[in-house]
Amino acid sequence: MTHHPNRFIRLAVASVVALSLAACGSTTKDSTSSEPDKKAAGKADPDAELKSGLKIAFLPKQLNNPYTDVEVGGGKVAAEEVEGEYTLVGPNDASASSQVSYINTLIQKQQDVIAIAANDPDAVCPSLNQASEAGIKIVSFDSDAAKDCRDVFINQATTQGIGEFLAQSALKVAGGKGEVAILSATANATNQNAWIAVLNEELKKPEYAGLKLVDTVYGDDDDQKSFTEAQGLLQAHPDLKAIISPTTVGIAAAARYISSSSYKGKVAITGLGLPNQMREYIKDRTVEEFGLWNPADIGYLATYAGAALASGQITGAEGEKFEAGKLGSYTIGVDGEIVLGPPTTFNAANIDDFDF
């Protein structure tokens, strides 16, 4: 799979994530320390040589998931670049405790790094702490484990970055002015609401004075309801210039409706979607552009972070820096968070470079 060629602008804004980051109940070996052993064990040496032959294991939420396959595929590419030994294990279901037995097996196999997308932030804690005590570095990606149970967390994008992208893309596809509306998932979706809150703040800025947000509706991440809600937006607001849908279900449903209606070419659509589901709508010019993070780059960055940890270049402390191959330099943020970057923009020029 081809990666997006542009280097991401690093964002320093802390991300709001739906998962709980509450500390797990386990304690570290040194009960007098206020931070996990894995960060107190030693100082980072940014000049340390990146070790070769590292055993790097990926443990996604579940196997045989198209999105997950792309993520771990990026991790495998990076493992080859750092001359490491890549292993992929995982459950076929995404239940809370389904990953525990795999962590225990990876401890026995003496891995150097475990990269995990946690099904439950706390259920994996006892096993991850055992892995840390065995000297294994823990990188959570995509879906965080409780922060005291891992060294660093690879986050897809910040809330701020996604909200800014939605505003910028809406301004572009609407031609700089006109009425816009939001088609979201559920009314209580934490991430959706956080992105929309940023979008609303962005729209107050002078550069967005030409846009007028006239409605926000909810398709509940159901394809048919999202389709109906998109239809209803156009009936209620005949002068609408653009629909902003920060949900993969919503944007595809809205595009399907517009593509076969008299609004095609008159009402633009943007938001967050998957290239494979949106390709036909880019090709038939229903949609000019949309965005999402590149899941392959999440896995790729997780490998490089794990290798940097295992090589002693970083410990997971805020402010430490490391190199991540083609993605460039990264700085660790608060609570060990490493943000991949703002969403990738997909359009007619690059849509065929992606397969997920």
Protein backbone atom coordinates (compact mmCIF):
# COMPACT_ATOMS: atom_id res chain seq x y z
CA MET A 1 0.00 0.00 0.00
CA THR A 2 1.29 3.43 -0.87
CA HIS A 3 1.56 5.93 1.95
CA HIS A 4 0.53 9.53 1.69
CA PRO A 5 3.63 11.41 0.56
CA ASN A 6 3.26 14.57 2.58
CA ARG A 7 4.89 14.86 5.96
CA PHE A 8 2.42 15.65 8.67
CA ILE A 9 2.52 18.89 10.63
CA ARG A 10 2.87 17.89 14.24
CA LEU A 11 0.12 19.06 16.52
CA ALA A 12 0.77 19.83 20.17
CA VAL A 13 -2.84 19.94 21.26
CA ALA A 14 -3.87 17.14 23.62
CA SER A 15 -6.39 14.69 22.15
CA VAL A 16 -9.80 13.94 23.55
CA VAL A 17 -10.41 10.21 23.23
CA ALA A 18 -13.52 8.22 23.96
CA LEU A 19 -11.66 5.51 25.85
CA SER A 20 -11.07 5.86 29.56
CA LEU A 21 -7.49 6.60 30.50
CA ALA A 22 -8.08 5.76 34.14
CA ALA A 23 -5.12 4.11 35.84
CA CYS A 24 -5.39 0.38 36.30
CA GLY A 25 -5.34 -1.23 39.71
CA SER A 26 -1.92 -2.82 39.39
CA THR A 27 1.08 -1.33 41.13
CA THR A 28 4.63 -1.14 39.96
CA LYS A 29 7.53 -2.94 41.59
CA ASP A 30 8.70 0.27 43.25
CA SER A 31 5.65 1.33 45.22
CA THR A 32 7.38 4.52 46.38
CA SER A 33 7.63 5.83 42.82
CA SER A 34 4.80 7.97 41.47
CA GLU A 35 5.37 6.79 37.92
CA PRO A 36 5.64 3.35 36.32
CA ASP A 37 8.95 1.50 36.56
CA LYS A 38 9.29 1.49 32.82
CA LYS A 39 9.70 5.28 32.76
CA ALA A 40 11.74 5.50 35.94
CA ALA A 41 14.18 2.76 35.00
CA GLY A 42 16.65 4.94 33.15
CA LYS A 43 17.34 8.10 31.23
CA ALA A 44 16.75 8.38 27.54
CA ASP A 45 19.76 8.48 25.26
CA PRO A 46 18.61 10.11 22.01
CA ASP A 47 21.99 9.31 20.45
CA ALA A 48 21.72 5.57 21.15
CA GLU A 49 21.93 3.36 18.09
CA LEU A 50 18.67 1.76 16.96
CA LYS A 51 18.99 -1.94 17.77
CA SER A 52 18.53 -4.51 15.02
CA GLY A 53 16.93 -7.91 15.52
CA LEU A 54 14.27 -6.62 17.92
CA LYS A 55 11.28 -8.91 18.41
CA ILE A 56 8.23 -6.72 17.73
CA ALA A 57 4.77 -8.21 18.26
CA PHE A 58 1.48 -6.66 17.17
CA LEU A 59 -1.71 -7.46 19.06
CA PRO A 60 -4.70 -5.72 17.41
CA LYS A 61 -8.28 -5.73 18.73
CA GLN A 62 -9.07 -8.65 16.46
CA LEU A 63 -7.67 -10.37 13.41
CA ASN A 64 -9.17 -10.40 9.92
CA ASN A 65 -10.58 -6.89 10.15
CA PRO A 66 -9.88 -4.85 6.97
CA TYR A 67 -8.97 -1.68 8.88
CA THR A 68 -6.78 -3.62 11.32
CA ASP A 69 -5.07 -5.47 8.48
CA VAL A 70 -3.91 -2.16 7.03
CA GLU A 71 -2.71 -0.91 10.44
CA VAL A 72 -0.58 -3.94 11.26
CA GLY A 73 0.63 -4.06 7.65
CA GLY A 74 2.23 -0.67 8.22
CA GLY A 75 3.82 -2.06 11.38
CA LYS A 76 5.30 -4.95 9.43
CA VAL A 77 6.81 -2.60 6.81
CA ALA A 78 8.49 -0.57 9.57
CA ALA A 79 9.73 -3.75 11.31
CA GLU A 80 11.51 -4.72 8.10
CA GLU A 81 13.04 -1.23 7.88
CA VAL A 82 14.49 -1.48 11.41
CA GLU A 83 15.63 -5.06 10.73
CA GLY A 84 13.32 -6.43 13.41
CA GLU A 85 11.41 -9.68 13.76
CA TYR A 86 7.68 -9.05 13.25
CA THR A 87 4.97 -11.17 14.87
CA LEU A 88 1.19 -10.83 14.57
CA VAL A 89 -1.16 -12.45 17.08
CA GLY A 90 -4.69 -11.71 18.22
CA PRO A 91 -8.20 -12.88 18.94
CA ASN A 92 -11.03 -13.34 16.46
CA ASP A 93 -13.39 -11.43 18.73
CA ALA A 94 -12.97 -8.04 20.34
CA SER A 95 -14.16 -8.90 23.86
CA ALA A 96 -12.61 -7.15 26.87
CA SER A 97 -10.43 -10.02 28.08
CA SER A 98 -9.70 -11.74 24.76
CA GLN A 99 -6.18 -10.28 24.47
CA VAL A 100 -4.86 -11.37 27.89
CA SER A 101 -3.78 -14.88 26.91
CA TYR A 102 -1.88 -13.50 23.90
CA ILE A 103 0.04 -11.06 26.10
CA ASN A 104 1.01 -13.90 28.42
CA THR A 105 2.25 -15.95 25.47
CA LEU A 106 4.29 -13.01 24.14
CA ILE A 107 5.92 -12.65 27.56
CA GLN A 108 6.95 -16.32 27.42
CA LYS A 109 8.35 -15.78 23.92
CA GLN A 110 10.48 -12.91 25.25
CA GLN A 111 9.39 -10.21 22.84
CA ASP A 112 11.14 -6.84 23.00
CA VAL A 113 8.07 -4.80 22.06
CA ILE A 114 4.33 -5.41 22.26
CA ALA A 115 2.17 -3.03 20.20
CA ILE A 116 -1.44 -3.36 21.30
CA ALA A 117 -4.77 -1.83 20.30
CA ALA A 118 -6.61 -2.45 23.57
CA ASN A 119 -10.10 -3.90 23.55
CA ASP A 120 -10.50 -2.68 27.12
CA PRO A 121 -8.19 -0.08 28.71
CA ASP A 122 -8.07 -1.85 32.09
CA ALA A 123 -8.59 -5.57 31.41
CA VAL A 124 -5.15 -5.85 29.80
CA CYS A 125 -3.36 -3.99 32.61
CA PRO A 126 -2.17 -6.84 34.85
CA SER A 127 -0.70 -8.74 31.90
CA LEU A 128 0.89 -5.63 30.37
CA ASN A 129 2.49 -4.77 33.71
CA GLN A 130 3.90 -8.31 33.87
CA ALA A 131 5.31 -7.77 30.39
CA SER A 132 6.91 -4.49 31.51
CA GLU A 133 8.47 -6.22 34.50
CA ALA A 134 9.93 -8.74 32.04
CA GLY A 135 11.59 -5.86 30.18
CA ILE A 136 9.14 -5.65 27.29
CA LYS A 137 8.27 -2.18 25.98
CA ILE A 138 4.55 -1.51 25.57
CA VAL A 139 3.15 0.66 22.78
CA SER A 140 -0.60 1.12 22.56
CA PHE A 141 -1.99 2.28 19.24
CA ASP A 142 -5.37 3.33 17.86
CA SER A 143 -7.19 2.28 21.07
CA ASP A 144 -5.33 3.12 24.27
CA ALA A 145 -4.63 0.97 27.28
CA ALA A 146 -4.75 2.68 30.67
CA LYS A 147 -1.80 5.05 30.73
CA ASP A 148 -0.01 3.35 33.65
CA CYS A 149 0.07 0.07 31.69
CA ARG A 150 2.02 1.20 28.64
CA ASP A 151 5.01 3.33 27.71
CA VAL A 152 3.50 5.39 24.89
CA PHE A 153 0.22 5.69 22.97
CA ILE A 154 0.04 6.27 19.21
CA ASN A 155 -3.06 8.40 18.60
CA GLN A 156 -4.52 8.83 15.11
CA ALA A 157 -5.14 12.57 15.26
CA THR A 158 -6.06 15.25 17.76
CA THR A 159 -9.59 16.45 18.27
CA GLN A 160 -8.39 19.92 17.37
CA GLY A 161 -6.76 18.69 14.18
CA ILE A 162 -9.87 16.85 13.01
CA GLY A 163 -12.15 19.80 13.77
CA GLU A 164 -9.84 22.16 11.90
CA PHE A 165 -9.73 19.81 8.92
CA LEU A 166 -13.52 19.62 8.77
CA ALA A 167 -13.80 23.42 8.77
CA GLN A 168 -11.09 23.93 6.16
CA SER A 169 -12.49 21.26 3.85
CA ALA A 170 -16.05 22.60 4.19
CA LEU A 171 -14.86 26.09 3.25
CA LYS A 172 -13.12 24.69 0.18
CA VAL A 173 -15.89 22.44 -1.15
CA ALA A 174 -18.59 25.05 -0.48
CA GLY A 175 -16.68 27.56 -2.58
CA GLY A 176 -15.99 29.86 0.35
CA LYS A 177 -19.57 30.77 1.19
CA GLY A 178 -23.07 29.45 1.74
CA GLU A 179 -25.11 27.28 4.08
CA VAL A 180 -23.58 24.10 5.50
CA ALA A 181 -25.00 21.36 7.71
CA ILE A 182 -23.59 18.50 9.79
CA LEU A 183 -24.63 14.85 9.51
CA SER A 184 -23.18 13.15 12.59
CA ALA A 185 -23.41 9.68 14.15
CA THR A 186 -25.30 9.53 17.47
CA ALA A 187 -26.22 12.56 19.54
CA ASN A 188 -24.05 11.32 22.42
CA ALA A 189 -21.00 10.10 20.44
CA THR A 190 -18.05 11.47 22.43
CA ASN A 191 -15.53 11.86 19.63
CA GLN A 192 -18.08 13.13 17.13
CA ASN A 193 -19.30 15.79 19.55
CA ALA A 194 -15.75 16.84 20.41
CA TRP A 195 -14.89 17.25 16.71
CA ILE A 196 -18.11 19.19 16.10
CA ALA A 197 -17.36 21.48 19.06
CA VAL A 198 -13.99 22.37 17.50
CA LEU A 199 -15.65 22.81 14.10
CA ASN A 200 -18.16 25.25 15.61
CA GLU A 201 -15.35 27.27 17.20
CA GLU A 202 -13.44 27.35 13.90
CA LEU A 203 -16.52 28.63 12.06
CA LYS A 204 -16.53 31.69 14.35
CA LYS A 205 -13.17 32.82 12.92
CA PRO A 206 -13.10 35.62 10.31
CA GLU A 207 -11.91 33.35 7.49
CA TYR A 208 -15.14 31.34 7.80
CA ALA A 209 -17.47 34.35 7.81
CA GLY A 210 -18.93 33.24 4.46
CA LEU A 211 -20.17 29.92 5.87
CA LYS A 212 -23.40 29.59 7.83
CA LEU A 213 -24.05 26.41 9.83
CA VAL A 214 -27.80 25.87 9.57
CA ASP A 215 -28.41 22.40 11.01
CA THR A 216 -26.92 19.36 12.77
CA VAL A 217 -28.65 16.00 12.37
CA TYR A 218 -27.86 12.47 13.52
CA GLY A 219 -27.90 9.29 11.46
CA ASP A 220 -26.94 7.06 14.42
CA ASP A 221 -24.22 5.46 12.25
CA ASP A 222 -27.00 3.54 10.52
CA ASP A 223 -26.75 3.58 6.74
CA GLN A 224 -30.45 3.92 5.97
CA LYS A 225 -31.14 6.50 8.68
CA SER A 226 -28.10 8.53 7.55
CA PHE A 227 -29.39 8.38 3.96
CA THR A 228 -32.81 9.61 5.10
CA GLU A 229 -31.29 12.38 7.24
CA ALA A 230 -29.22 13.60 4.27
CA GLN A 231 -32.38 13.66 2.18
CA GLY A 232 -34.16 15.61 4.93
CA LEU A 233 -31.38 18.20 5.11
CA LEU A 234 -31.84 19.07 1.45
CA GLN A 235 -35.61 19.31 1.81
CA ALA A 236 -35.32 21.57 4.86
CA HIS A 237 -32.52 23.71 3.43
CA PRO A 238 -32.87 24.03 -0.37
CA ASP A 239 -29.95 26.49 -0.53
CA LEU A 240 -27.52 24.14 1.23
CA LYS A 241 -24.03 24.22 -0.26
CA ALA A 242 -22.32 21.41 1.69
CA ILE A 243 -22.90 18.52 4.10
CA ILE A 244 -20.14 17.83 6.64
CA SER A 245 -20.24 14.25 7.93
CA PRO A 246 -17.52 13.25 10.43
CA THR A 247 -18.53 9.59 10.33
CA THR A 248 -17.65 6.95 7.74
CA VAL A 249 -21.23 5.64 7.66
CA GLY A 250 -22.75 9.10 7.32
CA ILE A 251 -20.49 10.43 4.59
CA ALA A 252 -21.00 7.34 2.41
CA ALA A 253 -24.79 7.46 2.85
CA ALA A 254 -24.91 11.19 2.05
CA ALA A 255 -22.75 10.66 -1.04
CA ARG A 256 -24.98 7.83 -2.21
CA TYR A 257 -28.04 10.05 -1.93
CA ILE A 258 -26.47 13.07 -3.65
CA SER A 259 -24.94 10.97 -6.45
CA SER A 260 -28.32 9.85 -7.74
CA SER A 261 -30.23 13.08 -7.12
CA SER A 262 -30.68 16.44 -8.81
CA TYR A 263 -28.37 17.91 -6.16
CA LYS A 264 -25.30 16.30 -7.69
CA GLY A 265 -22.86 19.04 -8.66
CA LYS A 266 -24.77 21.56 -6.56
CA VAL A 267 -24.32 20.25 -3.01
CA ALA A 268 -20.83 19.25 -1.87
CA ILE A 269 -19.95 16.63 0.73
CA THR A 270 -16.93 16.32 2.99
CA GLY A 271 -16.03 14.67 6.28
CA LEU A 272 -14.31 11.48 7.40
CA GLY A 273 -14.51 8.37 5.25
CA LEU A 274 -12.71 5.27 4.03
CA PRO A 275 -11.10 5.43 0.57
CA ASN A 276 -12.62 2.13 -0.57
CA GLN A 277 -16.17 3.19 0.31
CA MET A 278 -15.76 6.68 -1.14
CA ARG A 279 -13.79 5.89 -4.30
CA GLU A 280 -16.81 5.69 -6.62
CA TYR A 281 -18.09 9.05 -5.38
CA ILE A 282 -14.72 10.70 -5.98
CA LYS A 283 -14.60 9.14 -9.46
CA ASP A 284 -18.09 10.31 -10.42
CA ARG A 285 -17.34 13.75 -8.94
CA THR A 286 -20.08 13.62 -6.31
CA VAL A 287 -17.34 14.26 -3.74
CA GLU A 288 -14.31 16.49 -4.27
CA GLU A 289 -12.41 15.53 -1.13
CA PHE A 290 -12.70 13.98 2.34
CA GLY A 291 -10.26 12.98 5.03
CA LEU A 292 -9.14 10.31 7.47
CA TRP A 293 -5.88 9.25 9.04
CA ASN A 294 -3.88 6.61 7.19
CA PRO A 295 -4.14 3.46 9.33
CA ALA A 296 -0.95 2.00 7.84
CA ASP A 297 0.98 4.96 9.23
CA ILE A 298 -0.39 4.24 12.73
CA GLY A 299 1.19 0.78 12.70
CA TYR A 300 4.34 2.15 11.06
CA LEU A 301 4.75 4.77 13.79
CA ALA A 302 4.02 2.20 16.53
CA THR A 303 6.94 0.06 15.34
CA TYR A 304 9.38 2.96 15.29
CA ALA A 305 8.25 4.11 18.74
CA GLY A 306 8.68 0.59 20.09
CA ALA A 307 12.14 0.27 18.54
CA ALA A 308 13.16 3.65 19.99
CA LEU A 309 11.96 2.51 23.44
CA ALA A 310 13.73 -0.84 23.22
CA SER A 311 16.93 0.88 22.05
CA GLY A 312 16.89 3.37 24.94
CA GLN A 313 16.43 6.42 22.69
CA ILE A 314 13.24 7.32 24.59
CA THR A 315 11.57 6.25 27.84
CA GLY A 316 8.09 7.57 27.10
CA ALA A 317 8.52 10.85 28.97
CA GLU A 318 6.98 14.08 27.70
CA GLY A 319 9.26 16.10 25.44
CA GLU A 320 11.46 13.24 24.24
CA LYS A 321 12.04 13.04 20.48
CA PHE A 322 12.69 10.19 18.07
CA GLU A 323 12.84 9.54 14.34
CA ALA A 324 10.13 7.48 12.63
CA GLY A 325 11.48 6.64 9.19
CA LYS A 326 9.59 8.28 6.32
CA LEU A 327 7.23 10.03 8.77
CA GLY A 328 10.04 12.14 10.20
CA SER A 329 10.63 13.34 13.75
CA TYR A 330 8.11 13.01 16.59
CA THR A 331 7.92 14.50 20.07
CA ILE A 332 6.20 12.68 22.92
CA GLY A 333 3.34 14.63 24.46
CA VAL A 334 1.49 14.56 27.76
CA ASP A 335 0.93 11.10 29.29
CA GLY A 336 3.12 9.45 26.65
CA GLU A 337 0.84 10.37 23.76
CA ILE A 338 2.32 10.51 20.25
CA VAL A 339 -0.03 12.03 17.68
CA LEU A 340 0.31 10.75 14.12
CA GLY A 341 -0.84 14.05 12.66
CA PRO A 342 -3.83 15.72 11.03
CA PRO A 343 -6.03 13.67 8.73
CA THR A 344 -4.87 12.77 5.25
CA THR A 345 -6.93 14.46 2.52
CA PHE A 346 -8.20 12.05 -0.13
CA ASN A 347 -9.15 13.32 -3.60
CA ALA A 348 -9.06 12.30 -7.27
CA ALA A 349 -5.28 12.70 -7.38
CA ASN A 350 -4.49 10.14 -4.66
CA ILE A 351 -7.59 8.01 -3.98
CA ASP A 352 -6.20 5.02 -5.90
CA ASP A 353 -3.04 5.03 -3.78
CA PHE A 354 -5.02 3.68 -0.81
CA ASP A 355 -6.75 0.36 -0.20
CA PHE A 356 -8.71 0.27 3.04
